Amino acid sequence: MSTTILLSSREVTPPLLPALTGEIRADAAAFCRGMFLACPQWSLGAMGPDAFDCWSALVLTQAHLFGREVELVRLRPGASRADILRAFGG
């Protein structure tokens, strides 16, 4: 049984976030402020809008600020360090 689940970053549901202005510093600050005000909880495997885990928050950040599609990697509980490295192509 595989320890990795691959999903599209479109699976991450953002909270209400500000529109981009094209000024990266202002956009990043507004994004951080929006996430802070949304006050999402941390939960393993959560993909928004009320809770995120670290990777799905990064995926959302990359998509919102830079328009980058980042592969959403999900590891099953108990995944080894080797499983994690394989999931990221290492």
PDB file of N, CA and C in Angstrom:
ATOM      1  N   MET A   1       0.848  -1.187   0.000  1.00  0.00           N
ATOM      2  CA  MET A   1       0.000   0.000   0.000  1.00  0.00           C
ATOM      3  C   MET A   1       0.888   1.243   0.000  1.00  0.00           C
ATOM      4  N   SER A   2       0.633   2.139  -0.894  1.00  0.00           N
ATOM      5  CA  SER A   2       1.419   3.363  -1.001  1.00  0.00           C
ATOM      6  C   SER A   2       1.173   4.274   0.192  1.00  0.00           C
ATOM      7  N   THR A   3       2.228   4.990   0.592  1.00  0.00           N
ATOM      8  CA  THR A   3       2.079   5.934   1.692  1.00  0.00           C
ATOM      9  C   THR A   3       1.839   7.346   1.192  1.00  0.00           C
ATOM     10  N   THR A   4       1.802   7.522  -0.120  1.00  0.00           N
ATOM     11  CA  THR A   4       1.667   8.857  -0.697  1.00  0.00           C
ATOM     12  C   THR A   4       0.372   8.987  -1.475  1.00  0.00           C
ATOM     13  N   ILE A   5      -0.307  10.100  -1.295  1.00  0.00           N
ATOM     14  CA  ILE A   5      -1.505  10.428  -2.068  1.00  0.00           C
ATOM     15  C   ILE A   5      -1.202  11.724  -2.800  1.00  0.00           C
ATOM     16  N   LEU A   6      -1.343  11.742  -4.112  1.00  0.00           N
ATOM     17  CA  LEU A   6      -1.088  12.946  -4.889  1.00  0.00           C
ATOM     18  C   LEU A   6      -2.408  13.545  -5.332  1.00  0.00           C
ATOM     19  N   LEU A   7      -2.577  14.812  -5.086  1.00  0.00           N
ATOM     20  CA  LEU A   7      -3.779  15.531  -5.460  1.00  0.00           C
ATOM     21  C   LEU A   7      -3.386  16.802  -6.187  1.00  0.00           C
ATOM     22  N   SER A   8      -4.306  17.389  -6.870  1.00  0.00           N
ATOM     23  CA  SER A   8      -4.063  18.682  -7.508  1.00  0.00           C
ATOM     24  C   SER A   8      -4.121  19.771  -6.450  1.00  0.00           C
ATOM     25  N   SER A   9      -3.354  20.838  -6.638  1.00  0.00           N
ATOM     26  CA  SER A   9      -3.424  21.940  -5.679  1.00  0.00           C
ATOM     27  C   SER A   9      -4.784  22.622  -5.737  1.00  0.00           C
ATOM     28  N   ARG A  10      -5.578  22.326  -6.752  1.00  0.00           N
ATOM     29  CA  ARG A  10      -6.933  22.886  -6.820  1.00  0.00           C
ATOM     30  C   ARG A  10      -7.835  22.315  -5.730  1.00  0.00           C
ATOM     31  N   GLU A  11      -7.358  21.270  -5.047  1.00  0.00           N
ATOM     32  CA  GLU A  11      -8.120  20.674  -3.952  1.00  0.00           C
ATOM     33  C   GLU A  11      -8.090  21.559  -2.704  1.00  0.00           C
ATOM     34  N   VAL A  12      -7.130  22.467  -2.613  1.00  0.00           N
ATOM     35  CA  VAL A  12      -7.005  23.347  -1.446  1.00  0.00           C
ATOM     36  C   VAL A  12      -8.034  24.466  -1.560  1.00  0.00           C
ATOM     37  N   THR A  13      -8.813  24.638  -0.510  1.00  0.00           N
ATOM     38  CA  THR A  13      -9.858  25.657  -0.503  1.00  0.00           C
ATOM     39  C   THR A  13      -9.400  26.854   0.312  1.00  0.00           C
ATOM     40  N   PRO A  14      -9.212  28.002  -0.328  1.00  0.00           N
ATOM     41  CA  PRO A  14      -8.718  29.163   0.419  1.00  0.00           C
ATOM     42  C   PRO A  14      -9.821  29.861   1.207  1.00  0.00           C
ATOM     43  N   PRO A  15      -9.424  30.532   2.292  1.00  0.00           N
ATOM     44  CA  PRO A  15     -10.371  31.448   2.930  1.00  0.00           C
ATOM     45  C   PRO A  15     -10.509  32.660   2.005  1.00  0.00           C
ATOM     46  N   LEU A  16     -11.347  33.596   2.345  1.00  0.00           N
ATOM     47  CA  LEU A  16     -11.490  34.806   1.545  1.00  0.00           C
ATOM     48  C   LEU A  16     -10.161  35.560   1.585  1.00  0.00           C
ATOM     49  N   LEU A  17      -9.557  35.752   0.418  1.00  0.00           N
ATOM     50  CA  LEU A  17      -8.253  36.410   0.337  1.00  0.00           C
ATOM     51  C   LEU A  17      -8.349  37.670  -0.502  1.00  0.00           C
ATOM     52  N   PRO A  18      -7.466  38.639  -0.245  1.00  0.00           N
ATOM     53  CA  PRO A  18      -7.504  39.895  -0.997  1.00  0.00           C
ATOM     54  C   PRO A  18      -7.092  39.703  -2.452  1.00  0.00           C
ATOM     55  N   ALA A  19      -7.586  40.566  -3.313  1.00  0.00           N
ATOM     56  CA  ALA A  19      -7.193  40.564  -4.718  1.00  0.00           C
ATOM     57  C   ALA A  19      -5.746  41.022  -4.829  1.00  0.00           C
ATOM     58  N   LEU A  20      -5.061  40.537  -5.844  1.00  0.00           N
ATOM     59  CA  LEU A  20      -3.670  40.922  -6.058  1.00  0.00           C
ATOM     60  C   LEU A  20      -3.587  42.285  -6.730  1.00  0.00           C
ATOM     61  N   THR A  21      -2.544  43.039  -6.372  1.00  0.00           N
ATOM     62  CA  THR A  21      -2.342  44.369  -6.952  1.00  0.00           C
ATOM     63  C   THR A  21      -1.189  44.396  -7.939  1.00  0.00           C
ATOM     64  N   GLY A  22      -0.339  43.366  -7.918  1.00  0.00           N
ATOM     65  CA  GLY A  22       0.849  43.349  -8.756  1.00  0.00           C
ATOM     66  C   GLY A  22       2.091  43.829  -8.027  1.00  0.00           C
ATOM     67  N   GLU A  23       1.912  44.383  -6.847  1.00  0.00           N
ATOM     68  CA  GLU A  23       3.039  44.802  -5.999  1.00  0.00           C
ATOM     69  C   GLU A  23       3.304  43.663  -5.025  1.00  0.00           C
ATOM     70  N   ILE A  24       4.374  42.894  -5.265  1.00  0.00           N
ATOM     71  CA  ILE A  24       4.588  41.650  -4.528  1.00  0.00           C
ATOM     72  C   ILE A  24       4.658  41.836  -3.014  1.00  0.00           C
ATOM     73  N   ARG A  25       5.334  42.866  -2.546  1.00  0.00           N
ATOM     74  CA  ARG A  25       5.415  43.076  -1.092  1.00  0.00           C
ATOM     75  C   ARG A  25       4.054  43.410  -0.497  1.00  0.00           C
ATOM     76  N   ALA A  26       3.313  44.257  -1.156  1.00  0.00           N
ATOM     77  CA  ALA A  26       1.972  44.616  -0.672  1.00  0.00           C
ATOM     78  C   ALA A  26       1.049  43.406  -0.749  1.00  0.00           C
ATOM     79  N   ASP A  27       1.157  42.641  -1.842  1.00  0.00           N
ATOM     80  CA  ASP A  27       0.325  41.444  -1.987  1.00  0.00           C
ATOM     81  C   ASP A  27       0.646  40.408  -0.919  1.00  0.00           C
ATOM     82  N   ALA A  28       1.949  40.203  -0.658  1.00  0.00           N
ATOM     83  CA  ALA A  28       2.354  39.241   0.369  1.00  0.00           C
ATOM     84  C   ALA A  28       1.866  39.683   1.744  1.00  0.00           C
ATOM     85  N   ALA A  29       1.992  40.971   2.029  1.00  0.00           N
ATOM     86  CA  ALA A  29       1.526  41.480   3.320  1.00  0.00           C
ATOM     87  C   ALA A  29       0.014  41.319   3.456  1.00  0.00           C
ATOM     88  N   ALA A  30      -0.717  41.623   2.387  1.00  0.00           N
ATOM     89  CA  ALA A  30      -2.182  41.487   2.418  1.00  0.00           C
ATOM     90  C   ALA A  30      -2.580  40.016   2.560  1.00  0.00           C
ATOM     91  N   PHE A  31      -1.851  39.125   1.883  1.00  0.00           N
ATOM     92  CA  PHE A  31      -2.123  37.686   1.992  1.00  0.00           C
ATOM     93  C   PHE A  31      -1.911  37.226   3.434  1.00  0.00           C
ATOM     94  N   CYS A  32      -0.773  37.592   4.013  1.00  0.00           N
ATOM     95  CA  CYS A  32      -0.486  37.210   5.400  1.00  0.00           C
ATOM     96  C   CYS A  32      -1.532  37.770   6.361  1.00  0.00           C
ATOM     97  N   ARG A  33      -1.908  39.028   6.142  1.00  0.00           N
ATOM     98  CA  ARG A  33      -2.944  39.652   6.980  1.00  0.00           C
ATOM     99  C   ARG A  33      -4.266  38.906   6.828  1.00  0.00           C
ATOM    100  N   GLY A  34      -4.624  38.552   5.587  1.00  0.00           N
ATOM    101  CA  GLY A  34      -5.868  37.820   5.343  1.00  0.00           C
ATOM    102  C   GLY A  34      -5.876  36.456   6.007  1.00  0.00           C
ATOM    103  N   MET A  35      -4.740  35.753   5.939  1.00  0.00           N
ATOM    104  CA  MET A  35      -4.655  34.444   6.602  1.00  0.00           C
ATOM    105  C   MET A  35      -4.706  34.601   8.115  1.00  0.00           C
ATOM    106  N   PHE A  36      -4.026  35.636   8.627  1.00  0.00           N
ATOM    107  CA  PHE A  36      -4.037  35.884  10.064  1.00  0.00           C
ATOM    108  C   PHE A  36      -5.460  36.183  10.541  1.00  0.00           C
ATOM    109  N   LEU A  37      -6.161  37.033   9.820  1.00  0.00           N
ATOM    110  CA  LEU A  37      -7.524  37.402  10.215  1.00  0.00           C
ATOM    111  C   LEU A  37      -8.500  36.247  10.064  1.00  0.00           C
ATOM    112  N   ALA A  38      -8.244  35.365   9.075  1.00  0.00           N
ATOM    113  CA  ALA A  38      -9.107  34.186   8.900  1.00  0.00           C
ATOM    114  C   ALA A  38      -8.901  33.199  10.048  1.00  0.00           C
ATOM    115  N   CYS A  39      -7.719  33.251  10.658  1.00  0.00           N
ATOM    116  CA  CYS A  39      -7.379  32.428  11.820  1.00  0.00           C
ATOM    117  C   CYS A  39      -7.657  30.936  11.604  1.00  0.00           C
ATOM    118  N   PRO A  40      -7.124  30.370  10.497  1.00  0.00           N
ATOM    119  CA  PRO A  40      -7.357  28.941  10.284  1.00  0.00           C
ATOM    120  C   PRO A  40      -6.605  28.108  11.311  1.00  0.00           C
ATOM    121  N   GLN A  41      -7.173  27.003  11.698  1.00  0.00           N
ATOM    122  CA  GLN A  41      -6.543  26.084  12.636  1.00  0.00           C
ATOM    123  C   GLN A  41      -5.573  25.185  11.879  1.00  0.00           C
ATOM    124  N   TRP A  42      -4.607  24.587  12.574  1.00  0.00           N
ATOM    125  CA  TRP A  42      -3.738  23.589  11.972  1.00  0.00           C
ATOM    126  C   TRP A  42      -4.345  22.236  12.229  1.00  0.00           C
ATOM    127  N   SER A  43      -4.409  21.424  11.191  1.00  0.00           N
ATOM    128  CA  SER A  43      -4.890  20.056  11.332  1.00  0.00           C
ATOM    129  C   SER A  43      -4.252  19.217  10.242  1.00  0.00           C
ATOM    130  N   LEU A  44      -3.659  18.106  10.610  1.00  0.00           N
ATOM    131  CA  LEU A  44      -3.002  17.235   9.645  1.00  0.00           C
ATOM    132  C   LEU A  44      -3.976  16.830   8.549  1.00  0.00           C
ATOM    133  N   GLY A  45      -3.612  17.106   7.306  1.00  0.00           N
ATOM    134  CA  GLY A  45      -4.433  16.739   6.163  1.00  0.00           C
ATOM    135  C   GLY A  45      -5.485  17.761   5.781  1.00  0.00           C
ATOM    136  N   ALA A  46      -5.637  18.821   6.577  1.00  0.00           N
ATOM    137  CA  ALA A  46      -6.661  19.830   6.283  1.00  0.00           C
ATOM    138  C   ALA A  46      -6.243  20.671   5.088  1.00  0.00           C
ATOM    139  N   MET A  47      -7.228  21.047   4.254  1.00  0.00           N
ATOM    140  CA  MET A  47      -6.947  21.814   3.046  1.00  0.00           C
ATOM    141  C   MET A  47      -7.838  23.039   2.930  1.00  0.00           C
ATOM    142  N   GLY A  48      -8.243  23.620   4.055  1.00  0.00           N
ATOM    143  CA  GLY A  48      -8.991  24.863   4.070  1.00  0.00           C
ATOM    144  C   GLY A  48     -10.486  24.672   3.936  1.00  0.00           C
ATOM    145  N   PRO A  49     -11.234  25.728   4.095  1.00  0.00           N
ATOM    146  CA  PRO A  49     -10.805  27.089   4.404  1.00  0.00           C
ATOM    147  C   PRO A  49     -10.631  27.362   5.896  1.00  0.00           C
ATOM    148  N   ASP A  50     -11.135  26.490   6.759  1.00  0.00           N
ATOM    149  CA  ASP A  50     -11.066  26.769   8.196  1.00  0.00           C
ATOM    150  C   ASP A  50      -9.855  26.172   8.882  1.00  0.00           C
ATOM    151  N   ALA A  51      -9.180  25.239   8.215  1.00  0.00           N
ATOM    152  CA  ALA A  51      -7.994  24.589   8.775  1.00  0.00           C
ATOM    153  C   ALA A  51      -7.065  24.183   7.638  1.00  0.00           C
ATOM    154  N   PHE A  52      -5.779  24.207   7.916  1.00  0.00           N
ATOM    155  CA  PHE A  52      -4.749  23.814   6.950  1.00  0.00           C
ATOM    156  C   PHE A  52      -3.681  23.019   7.674  1.00  0.00           C
ATOM    157  N   ASP A  53      -2.930  22.212   6.918  1.00  0.00           N
ATOM    158  CA  ASP A  53      -1.678  21.716   7.449  1.00  0.00           C
ATOM    159  C   ASP A  53      -0.580  22.537   6.774  1.00  0.00           C
ATOM    160  N   CYS A  54       0.653  22.315   7.142  1.00  0.00           N
ATOM    161  CA  CYS A  54       1.746  23.166   6.642  1.00  0.00           C
ATOM    162  C   CYS A  54       1.868  23.122   5.126  1.00  0.00           C
ATOM    163  N   TRP A  55       1.785  21.923   4.533  1.00  0.00           N
ATOM    164  CA  TRP A  55       1.975  21.818   3.085  1.00  0.00           C
ATOM    165  C   TRP A  55       0.830  22.469   2.323  1.00  0.00           C
ATOM    166  N   SER A  56      -0.407  22.262   2.757  1.00  0.00           N
ATOM    167  CA  SER A  56      -1.521  22.868   2.018  1.00  0.00           C
ATOM    168  C   SER A  56      -1.496  24.392   2.150  1.00  0.00           C
ATOM    169  N   ALA A  57      -0.982  24.915   3.266  1.00  0.00           N
ATOM    170  CA  ALA A  57      -0.825  26.371   3.388  1.00  0.00           C
ATOM    171  C   ALA A  57       0.223  26.878   2.405  1.00  0.00           C
ATOM    172  N   LEU A  58       1.311  26.126   2.239  1.00  0.00           N
ATOM    173  CA  LEU A  58       2.327  26.500   1.259  1.00  0.00           C
ATOM    174  C   LEU A  58       1.762  26.443  -0.155  1.00  0.00           C
ATOM    175  N   VAL A  59       1.000  25.406  -0.459  1.00  0.00           N
ATOM    176  CA  VAL A  59       0.387  25.269  -1.787  1.00  0.00           C
ATOM    177  C   VAL A  59      -0.518  26.465  -2.071  1.00  0.00           C
ATOM    178  N   LEU A  60      -1.327  26.843  -1.094  1.00  0.00           N
ATOM    179  CA  LEU A  60      -2.212  27.995  -1.245  1.00  0.00           C
ATOM    180  C   LEU A  60      -1.412  29.277  -1.465  1.00  0.00           C
ATOM    181  N   THR A  61      -0.353  29.457  -0.691  1.00  0.00           N
ATOM    182  CA  THR A  61       0.493  30.650  -0.826  1.00  0.00           C
ATOM    183  C   THR A  61       1.087  30.745  -2.223  1.00  0.00           C
ATOM    184  N   GLN A  62       1.648  29.660  -2.717  1.00  0.00           N
ATOM    185  CA  GLN A  62       2.259  29.647  -4.044  1.00  0.00           C
ATOM    186  C   GLN A  62       1.222  29.940  -5.128  1.00  0.00           C
ATOM    187  N   ALA A  63       0.054  29.340  -5.005  1.00  0.00           N
ATOM    188  CA  ALA A  63      -0.995  29.541  -6.013  1.00  0.00           C
ATOM    189  C   ALA A  63      -1.509  30.977  -5.993  1.00  0.00           C
ATOM    190  N   HIS A  64      -1.760  31.504  -4.815  1.00  0.00           N
ATOM    191  CA  HIS A  64      -2.354  32.840  -4.715  1.00  0.00           C
ATOM    192  C   HIS A  64      -1.374  33.950  -5.096  1.00  0.00           C
ATOM    193  N   LEU A  65      -0.163  33.889  -4.556  1.00  0.00           N
ATOM    194  CA  LEU A  65       0.779  34.982  -4.788  1.00  0.00           C
ATOM    195  C   LEU A  65       1.539  34.877  -6.107  1.00  0.00           C
ATOM    196  N   PHE A  66       1.830  33.659  -6.545  1.00  0.00           N
ATOM    197  CA  PHE A  66       2.711  33.505  -7.698  1.00  0.00           C
ATOM    198  C   PHE A  66       2.080  32.755  -8.866  1.00  0.00           C
ATOM    199  N   GLY A  67       0.854  32.260  -8.684  1.00  0.00           N
ATOM    200  CA  GLY A  67       0.194  31.514  -9.750  1.00  0.00           C
ATOM    201  C   GLY A  67       0.860  30.180 -10.036  1.00  0.00           C
ATOM    202  N   ARG A  68       1.605  29.650  -9.076  1.00  0.00           N
ATOM    203  CA  ARG A  68       2.311  28.372  -9.263  1.00  0.00           C
ATOM    204  C   ARG A  68       1.440  27.211  -8.833  1.00  0.00           C
ATOM    205  N   GLU A  69       1.403  26.209  -9.665  1.00  0.00           N
ATOM    206  CA  GLU A  69       0.725  24.953  -9.342  1.00  0.00           C
ATOM    207  C   GLU A  69       1.744  24.061  -8.643  1.00  0.00           C
ATOM    208  N   VAL A  70       1.544  23.802  -7.371  1.00  0.00           N
ATOM    209  CA  VAL A  70       2.434  22.947  -6.597  1.00  0.00           C
ATOM    210  C   VAL A  70       1.701  21.644  -6.315  1.00  0.00           C
ATOM    211  N   GLU A  71       2.383  20.543  -6.562  1.00  0.00           N
ATOM    212  CA  GLU A  71       1.767  19.243  -6.331  1.00  0.00           C
ATOM    213  C   GLU A  71       1.441  19.086  -4.851  1.00  0.00           C
ATOM    214  N   LEU A  72       0.245  18.681  -4.587  1.00  0.00           N
ATOM    215  CA  LEU A  72      -0.202  18.491  -3.216  1.00  0.00           C
ATOM    216  C   LEU A  72       0.116  17.061  -2.816  1.00  0.00           C
ATOM    217  N   VAL A  73       1.032  16.888  -1.895  1.00  0.00           N
ATOM    218  CA  VAL A  73       1.486  15.568  -1.466  1.00  0.00           C
ATOM    219  C   VAL A  73       0.872  15.259  -0.112  1.00  0.00           C
ATOM    220  N   ARG A  74       0.270  14.122  -0.007  1.00  0.00           N
ATOM    221  CA  ARG A  74      -0.315  13.670   1.256  1.00  0.00           C
ATOM    222  C   ARG A  74       0.376  12.382   1.663  1.00  0.00           C
ATOM    223  N   LEU A  75       0.888  12.334   2.866  1.00  0.00           N
ATOM    224  CA  LEU A  75       1.495  11.129   3.410  1.00  0.00           C
ATOM    225  C   LEU A  75       0.564  10.548   4.446  1.00  0.00           C
ATOM    226  N   ARG A  76       0.472   9.255   4.449  1.00  0.00           N
ATOM    227  CA  ARG A  76      -0.369   8.594   5.438  1.00  0.00           C
ATOM    228  C   ARG A  76       0.319   8.647   6.810  1.00  0.00           C
ATOM    229  N   PRO A  77      -0.464   8.640   7.891  1.00  0.00           N
ATOM    230  CA  PRO A  77       0.143   8.625   9.226  1.00  0.00           C
ATOM    231  C   PRO A  77       1.132   7.464   9.345  1.00  0.00           C
ATOM    232  N   GLY A  78       2.236   7.736   9.997  1.00  0.00           N
ATOM    233  CA  GLY A  78       3.254   6.711  10.190  1.00  0.00           C
ATOM    234  C   GLY A  78       4.247   6.602   9.049  1.00  0.00           C
ATOM    235  N   ALA A  79       4.182   7.512   8.078  1.00  0.00           N
ATOM    236  CA  ALA A  79       5.119   7.473   6.954  1.00  0.00           C
ATOM    237  C   ALA A  79       6.541   7.647   7.475  1.00  0.00           C
ATOM    238  N   SER A  80       7.448   6.882   6.895  1.00  0.00           N
ATOM    239  CA  SER A  80       8.846   6.968   7.313  1.00  0.00           C
ATOM    240  C   SER A  80       9.536   8.147   6.636  1.00  0.00           C
ATOM    241  N   ARG A  81      10.724   8.459   7.096  1.00  0.00           N
ATOM    242  CA  ARG A  81      11.517   9.518   6.476  1.00  0.00           C
ATOM    243  C   ARG A  81      11.797   9.163   5.012  1.00  0.00           C
ATOM    244  N   ALA A  82      12.049   7.891   4.738  1.00  0.00           N
ATOM    245  CA  ALA A  82      12.293   7.435   3.367  1.00  0.00           C
ATOM    246  C   ALA A  82      11.051   7.651   2.504  1.00  0.00           C
ATOM    247  N   ASP A  83       9.853   7.418   3.056  1.00  0.00           N
ATOM    248  CA  ASP A  83       8.599   7.667   2.323  1.00  0.00           C
ATOM    249  C   ASP A  83       8.484   9.138   1.963  1.00  0.00           C
ATOM    250  N   ILE A  84       8.832  10.005   2.897  1.00  0.00           N
ATOM    251  CA  ILE A  84       8.757  11.445   2.674  1.00  0.00           C
ATOM    252  C   ILE A  84       9.717  11.861   1.557  1.00  0.00           C
ATOM    253  N   LEU A  85      10.944  11.357   1.603  1.00  0.00           N
ATOM    254  CA  LEU A  85      11.915  11.675   0.559  1.00  0.00           C
ATOM    255  C   LEU A  85      11.444  11.197  -0.805  1.00  0.00           C
ATOM    256  N   ARG A  86      10.893   9.985  -0.872  1.00  0.00           N
ATOM    257  CA  ARG A  86      10.379   9.461  -2.144  1.00  0.00           C
ATOM    258  C   ARG A  86       9.235  10.307  -2.660  1.00  0.00           C
ATOM    259  N   ALA A  87       8.383  10.776  -1.775  1.00  0.00           N
ATOM    260  CA  ALA A  87       7.234  11.593  -2.182  1.00  0.00           C
ATOM    261  C   ALA A  87       7.675  12.871  -2.844  1.00  0.00           C
ATOM    262  N   PHE A  88       8.823  13.402  -2.427  1.00  0.00           N
ATOM    263  CA  PHE A  88       9.330  14.644  -2.985  1.00  0.00           C
ATOM    264  C   PHE A  88      10.426  14.410  -4.024  1.00  0.00           C
ATOM    265  N   GLY A  89      10.515  13.181  -4.498  1.00  0.00           N
ATOM    266  CA  GLY A  89      11.457  12.867  -5.577  1.00  0.00           C
ATOM    267  C   GLY A  89      12.900  12.783  -5.146  1.00  0.00           C
ATOM    268  N   GLY A  90      13.151  12.598  -3.869  1.00  0.00           N
ATOM    269  CA  GLY A  90      14.526  12.533  -3.357  1.00  0.00           C
ATOM    270  C   GLY A  90      15.056  11.147  -3.209  1.00  0.00           C
TER     271      GLY A  90
END
